[in-house]
Amino acid sequence: MTIWLTILGMALATYATRVTAMLALRGELAPWLQRWLGYVPAAVFVALILPPLLLREQNGARLLALGPALPAGIVGALVAWRTGNVLLTIIGGLLAFWALRWLGM
């Protein structure tokens, strides 16, 4: 029963914050705010992608690890930039990763 109350409470809190924001901003957003919010997806993407590319965990500590993931990520980013194709980006990044692992990196 408590799990359902917890889920209901979280849903209400989420709904309340969204409704409050919508009621406070009934009209158009300010141009500076629209421009600022345009950078949020890129910032979130970088925050999600960089730690696995740069860090590894060993004995409970996070260490800088320049293994095959970083160069493969760079290859994937270049493929994405040049082609704009998600499938080619995934294939290019994976092929680079596997090739670097095969070469012993």
N, C-alpha and C. Protein backbone atom coordinates (compact mmCIF):
# COMPACT_ATOMS: atom_id res chain seq x y z
N MET A 1 0.82 -1.20 0.00
CA MET A 1 0.00 0.00 0.00
C MET A 1 0.86 1.26 0.00
N THR A 2 1.96 1.25 0.78
CA THR A 2 2.80 2.45 0.83
C THR A 2 3.46 2.74 -0.51
N ILE A 3 3.75 1.70 -1.28
CA ILE A 3 4.37 1.95 -2.58
C ILE A 3 3.41 2.72 -3.49
N TRP A 4 2.12 2.38 -3.41
CA TRP A 4 1.14 3.08 -4.23
C TRP A 4 0.97 4.52 -3.78
N LEU A 5 1.02 4.74 -2.48
CA LEU A 5 0.94 6.12 -1.98
C LEU A 5 2.17 6.92 -2.40
N THR A 6 3.32 6.28 -2.40
CA THR A 6 4.54 6.94 -2.84
C THR A 6 4.45 7.31 -4.32
N ILE A 7 3.98 6.39 -5.14
CA ILE A 7 3.83 6.66 -6.57
C ILE A 7 2.82 7.77 -6.80
N LEU A 8 1.70 7.73 -6.08
CA LEU A 8 0.69 8.78 -6.21
C LEU A 8 1.25 10.14 -5.78
N GLY A 9 2.00 10.16 -4.69
CA GLY A 9 2.61 11.41 -4.23
C GLY A 9 3.60 11.97 -5.24
N MET A 10 4.41 11.10 -5.84
CA MET A 10 5.36 11.56 -6.85
C MET A 10 4.64 12.09 -8.08
N ALA A 11 3.56 11.41 -8.48
CA ALA A 11 2.80 11.86 -9.64
C ALA A 11 2.17 13.22 -9.38
N LEU A 12 1.61 13.41 -8.18
CA LEU A 12 1.02 14.70 -7.84
C LEU A 12 2.07 15.81 -7.79
N ALA A 13 3.24 15.52 -7.24
CA ALA A 13 4.30 16.52 -7.18
C ALA A 13 4.76 16.91 -8.59
N THR A 14 4.90 15.93 -9.46
CA THR A 14 5.30 16.21 -10.84
C THR A 14 4.24 17.04 -11.54
N TYR A 15 2.99 16.64 -11.40
CA TYR A 15 1.89 17.36 -12.04
C TYR A 15 1.81 18.79 -11.50
N ALA A 16 1.95 18.95 -10.19
CA ALA A 16 1.84 20.28 -9.59
C ALA A 16 2.93 21.22 -10.10
N THR A 17 4.15 20.74 -10.22
CA THR A 17 5.22 21.62 -10.71
C THR A 17 4.99 22.01 -12.17
N ARG A 18 4.48 21.09 -12.97
CA ARG A 18 4.24 21.42 -14.38
C ARG A 18 3.07 22.38 -14.53
N VAL A 19 2.00 22.15 -13.79
CA VAL A 19 0.85 23.04 -13.87
C VAL A 19 1.21 24.43 -13.38
N THR A 20 1.99 24.51 -12.31
CA THR A 20 2.41 25.81 -11.79
C THR A 20 3.21 26.57 -12.84
N ALA A 21 4.11 25.90 -13.50
CA ALA A 21 4.91 26.56 -14.54
C ALA A 21 4.03 27.01 -15.70
N MET A 22 3.08 26.18 -16.10
CA MET A 22 2.19 26.55 -17.21
C MET A 22 1.30 27.74 -16.84
N LEU A 23 0.81 27.76 -15.62
CA LEU A 23 -0.03 28.88 -15.20
C LEU A 23 0.77 30.17 -15.06
N ALA A 24 2.01 30.06 -14.62
CA ALA A 24 2.85 31.25 -14.47
C ALA A 24 3.27 31.81 -15.82
N LEU A 25 3.41 30.96 -16.82
CA LEU A 25 3.87 31.39 -18.14
C LEU A 25 2.76 31.24 -19.17
N ARG A 26 1.64 31.86 -18.93
CA ARG A 26 0.47 31.66 -19.79
C ARG A 26 0.71 32.05 -21.24
N GLY A 27 1.53 33.02 -21.48
CA GLY A 27 1.76 33.46 -22.86
C GLY A 27 3.03 32.86 -23.42
N GLU A 28 3.64 33.61 -24.30
CA GLU A 28 4.90 33.19 -24.92
C GLU A 28 6.04 33.34 -23.93
N LEU A 29 7.03 32.49 -24.10
CA LEU A 29 8.24 32.62 -23.30
C LEU A 29 9.07 33.78 -23.84
N ALA A 30 9.83 34.38 -22.97
CA ALA A 30 10.72 35.46 -23.39
C ALA A 30 11.74 34.90 -24.38
N PRO A 31 12.15 35.69 -25.36
CA PRO A 31 13.11 35.19 -26.36
C PRO A 31 14.41 34.67 -25.74
N TRP A 32 14.91 35.33 -24.70
CA TRP A 32 16.15 34.88 -24.08
C TRP A 32 15.95 33.52 -23.41
N LEU A 33 14.75 33.29 -22.85
CA LEU A 33 14.47 32.01 -22.20
C LEU A 33 14.31 30.90 -23.24
N GLN A 34 13.66 31.21 -24.37
CA GLN A 34 13.55 30.22 -25.44
C GLN A 34 14.93 29.83 -25.96
N ARG A 35 15.80 30.82 -26.15
CA ARG A 35 17.15 30.55 -26.62
C ARG A 35 17.91 29.70 -25.60
N TRP A 36 17.79 30.04 -24.33
CA TRP A 36 18.47 29.31 -23.26
C TRP A 36 17.97 27.87 -23.18
N LEU A 37 16.66 27.67 -23.27
CA LEU A 37 16.09 26.32 -23.21
C LEU A 37 16.46 25.48 -24.42
N GLY A 38 16.83 26.12 -25.52
CA GLY A 38 17.27 25.39 -26.70
C GLY A 38 18.56 24.63 -26.47
N TYR A 39 19.36 25.06 -25.50
CA TYR A 39 20.62 24.39 -25.20
C TYR A 39 20.47 23.23 -24.22
N VAL A 40 19.33 23.08 -23.60
CA VAL A 40 19.13 22.05 -22.59
C VAL A 40 19.30 20.63 -23.15
N PRO A 41 18.70 20.28 -24.29
CA PRO A 41 18.89 18.90 -24.78
C PRO A 41 20.35 18.56 -25.04
N ALA A 42 21.11 19.47 -25.63
CA ALA A 42 22.53 19.20 -25.89
C ALA A 42 23.30 19.03 -24.59
N ALA A 43 23.00 19.87 -23.60
CA ALA A 43 23.70 19.77 -22.32
C ALA A 43 23.38 18.46 -21.61
N VAL A 44 22.13 18.05 -21.65
CA VAL A 44 21.74 16.78 -21.02
C VAL A 44 22.40 15.61 -21.75
N PHE A 45 22.43 15.67 -23.09
CA PHE A 45 23.06 14.61 -23.86
C PHE A 45 24.54 14.47 -23.51
N VAL A 46 25.24 15.58 -23.45
CA VAL A 46 26.67 15.55 -23.10
C VAL A 46 26.87 15.02 -21.69
N ALA A 47 26.00 15.44 -20.75
CA ALA A 47 26.12 14.97 -19.38
C ALA A 47 25.88 13.46 -19.27
N LEU A 48 25.06 12.91 -20.13
CA LEU A 48 24.81 11.47 -20.11
C LEU A 48 25.89 10.67 -20.84
N ILE A 49 26.49 11.24 -21.86
CA ILE A 49 27.43 10.50 -22.71
C ILE A 49 28.87 10.56 -22.20
N LEU A 50 29.34 11.69 -21.71
CA LEU A 50 30.75 11.83 -21.37
C LEU A 50 31.24 10.93 -20.23
N PRO A 51 30.53 10.76 -19.13
CA PRO A 51 31.07 9.89 -18.07
C PRO A 51 31.41 8.47 -18.52
N PRO A 52 30.55 7.78 -19.28
CA PRO A 52 30.96 6.44 -19.72
C PRO A 52 32.15 6.47 -20.69
N LEU A 53 32.31 7.56 -21.43
CA LEU A 53 33.43 7.64 -22.37
C LEU A 53 34.75 7.93 -21.68
N LEU A 54 34.72 8.68 -20.59
CA LEU A 54 35.95 9.15 -19.96
C LEU A 54 36.32 8.46 -18.66
N LEU A 55 35.36 7.87 -17.99
CA LEU A 55 35.62 7.35 -16.65
C LEU A 55 35.41 5.84 -16.59
N ARG A 56 36.16 5.22 -15.70
CA ARG A 56 35.93 3.81 -15.37
C ARG A 56 36.00 3.69 -13.86
N GLU A 57 35.33 2.70 -13.34
CA GLU A 57 35.30 2.52 -11.90
C GLU A 57 36.21 1.36 -11.52
N GLN A 58 37.07 1.61 -10.55
CA GLN A 58 37.99 0.57 -10.08
C GLN A 58 38.13 0.71 -8.57
N ASN A 59 37.82 -0.35 -7.85
CA ASN A 59 37.88 -0.37 -6.39
C ASN A 59 37.07 0.77 -5.77
N GLY A 60 35.92 1.07 -6.36
CA GLY A 60 35.04 2.09 -5.82
C GLY A 60 35.42 3.51 -6.18
N ALA A 61 36.51 3.71 -6.92
CA ALA A 61 36.94 5.05 -7.30
C ALA A 61 36.75 5.23 -8.80
N ARG A 62 36.37 6.44 -9.20
CA ARG A 62 36.24 6.74 -10.62
C ARG A 62 37.55 7.32 -11.13
N LEU A 63 38.07 6.69 -12.16
CA LEU A 63 39.35 7.10 -12.72
C LEU A 63 39.18 7.52 -14.17
N LEU A 64 40.05 8.42 -14.62
CA LEU A 64 40.06 8.80 -16.02
C LEU A 64 40.58 7.63 -16.84
N ALA A 65 39.82 7.21 -17.82
CA ALA A 65 40.20 6.05 -18.62
C ALA A 65 40.11 6.41 -20.09
N LEU A 66 41.24 6.47 -20.74
CA LEU A 66 41.24 6.80 -22.16
C LEU A 66 41.35 5.51 -22.98
N GLY A 67 40.33 4.70 -22.89
CA GLY A 67 40.29 3.44 -23.62
C GLY A 67 39.66 3.64 -24.99
N PRO A 68 39.13 2.58 -25.56
CA PRO A 68 38.58 2.66 -26.92
C PRO A 68 37.26 3.42 -27.00
N ALA A 69 36.59 3.63 -25.88
CA ALA A 69 35.28 4.28 -25.92
C ALA A 69 35.38 5.73 -26.37
N LEU A 70 36.40 6.45 -25.93
CA LEU A 70 36.52 7.87 -26.29
C LEU A 70 36.77 8.05 -27.79
N PRO A 71 37.79 7.40 -28.38
CA PRO A 71 37.96 7.56 -29.83
C PRO A 71 36.75 7.06 -30.63
N ALA A 72 36.12 5.99 -30.17
CA ALA A 72 34.93 5.50 -30.86
C ALA A 72 33.79 6.51 -30.76
N GLY A 73 33.68 7.17 -29.61
CA GLY A 73 32.68 8.22 -29.46
C GLY A 73 32.95 9.40 -30.38
N ILE A 74 34.22 9.73 -30.55
CA ILE A 74 34.59 10.82 -31.47
C ILE A 74 34.24 10.43 -32.91
N VAL A 75 34.54 9.18 -33.28
CA VAL A 75 34.18 8.71 -34.62
C VAL A 75 32.66 8.77 -34.80
N GLY A 76 31.92 8.32 -33.80
CA GLY A 76 30.46 8.39 -33.87
C GLY A 76 29.96 9.81 -34.02
N ALA A 77 30.57 10.75 -33.28
CA ALA A 77 30.16 12.15 -33.38
C ALA A 77 30.45 12.71 -34.77
N LEU A 78 31.59 12.34 -35.33
CA LEU A 78 31.93 12.81 -36.68
C LEU A 78 30.98 12.24 -37.73
N VAL A 79 30.64 10.96 -37.58
CA VAL A 79 29.69 10.35 -38.52
C VAL A 79 28.33 11.03 -38.39
N ALA A 80 27.89 11.30 -37.16
CA ALA A 80 26.61 11.98 -36.95
C ALA A 80 26.63 13.37 -37.57
N TRP A 81 27.72 14.07 -37.40
CA TRP A 81 27.83 15.44 -37.91
C TRP A 81 27.81 15.44 -39.44
N ARG A 82 28.52 14.49 -40.06
CA ARG A 82 28.62 14.47 -41.53
C ARG A 82 27.37 13.92 -42.20
N THR A 83 26.74 12.90 -41.59
CA THR A 83 25.62 12.24 -42.26
C THR A 83 24.26 12.62 -41.70
N GLY A 84 24.18 12.87 -40.39
CA GLY A 84 22.89 13.13 -39.77
C GLY A 84 22.03 11.87 -39.67
N ASN A 85 22.63 10.71 -39.88
CA ASN A 85 21.90 9.45 -39.89
C ASN A 85 22.22 8.69 -38.60
N VAL A 86 21.18 8.38 -37.83
CA VAL A 86 21.38 7.71 -36.54
C VAL A 86 21.94 6.31 -36.72
N LEU A 87 21.43 5.56 -37.68
CA LEU A 87 21.90 4.20 -37.89
C LEU A 87 23.37 4.17 -38.29
N LEU A 88 23.77 5.05 -39.21
CA LEU A 88 25.18 5.11 -39.60
C LEU A 88 26.06 5.54 -38.44
N THR A 89 25.54 6.42 -37.59
CA THR A 89 26.30 6.86 -36.41
C THR A 89 26.57 5.68 -35.48
N ILE A 90 25.54 4.89 -35.21
CA ILE A 90 25.70 3.73 -34.33
C ILE A 90 26.67 2.72 -34.94
N ILE A 91 26.49 2.45 -36.22
CA ILE A 91 27.37 1.48 -36.89
C ILE A 91 28.81 1.98 -36.90
N GLY A 92 29.02 3.25 -37.23
CA GLY A 92 30.37 3.80 -37.26
C GLY A 92 31.04 3.77 -35.90
N GLY A 93 30.32 4.16 -34.87
CA GLY A 93 30.88 4.14 -33.52
C GLY A 93 31.22 2.74 -33.05
N LEU A 94 30.31 1.79 -33.32
CA LEU A 94 30.57 0.40 -32.92
C LEU A 94 31.73 -0.21 -33.68
N LEU A 95 31.81 0.05 -34.98
CA LEU A 95 32.93 -0.48 -35.75
C LEU A 95 34.26 0.08 -35.26
N ALA A 96 34.27 1.38 -34.95
CA ALA A 96 35.50 1.98 -34.41
C ALA A 96 35.85 1.37 -33.06
N PHE A 97 34.85 1.18 -32.21
CA PHE A 97 35.09 0.59 -30.89
C PHE A 97 35.65 -0.83 -31.02
N TRP A 98 35.01 -1.64 -31.86
CA TRP A 98 35.46 -3.03 -32.03
C TRP A 98 36.85 -3.09 -32.64
N ALA A 99 37.13 -2.21 -33.61
CA ALA A 99 38.46 -2.20 -34.24
C ALA A 99 39.52 -1.83 -33.22
N LEU A 100 39.24 -0.84 -32.39
CA LEU A 100 40.21 -0.44 -31.36
C LEU A 100 40.41 -1.53 -30.32
N ARG A 101 39.36 -2.22 -29.96
CA ARG A 101 39.49 -3.34 -29.02
C ARG A 101 40.30 -4.46 -29.65
N TRP A 102 40.07 -4.73 -30.93
CA TRP A 102 40.79 -5.78 -31.64
C TRP A 102 42.28 -5.44 -31.74
N LEU A 103 42.58 -4.14 -31.89
CA LEU A 103 43.98 -3.70 -31.97
C LEU A 103 44.65 -3.68 -30.60
N GLY A 104 43.90 -3.95 -29.56
CA GLY A 104 44.49 -4.05 -28.22
C GLY A 104 44.43 -2.78 -27.40
N MET A 105 43.66 -1.82 -27.80
CA MET A 105 43.57 -0.58 -27.03
C MET A 105 42.63 -0.75 -25.87
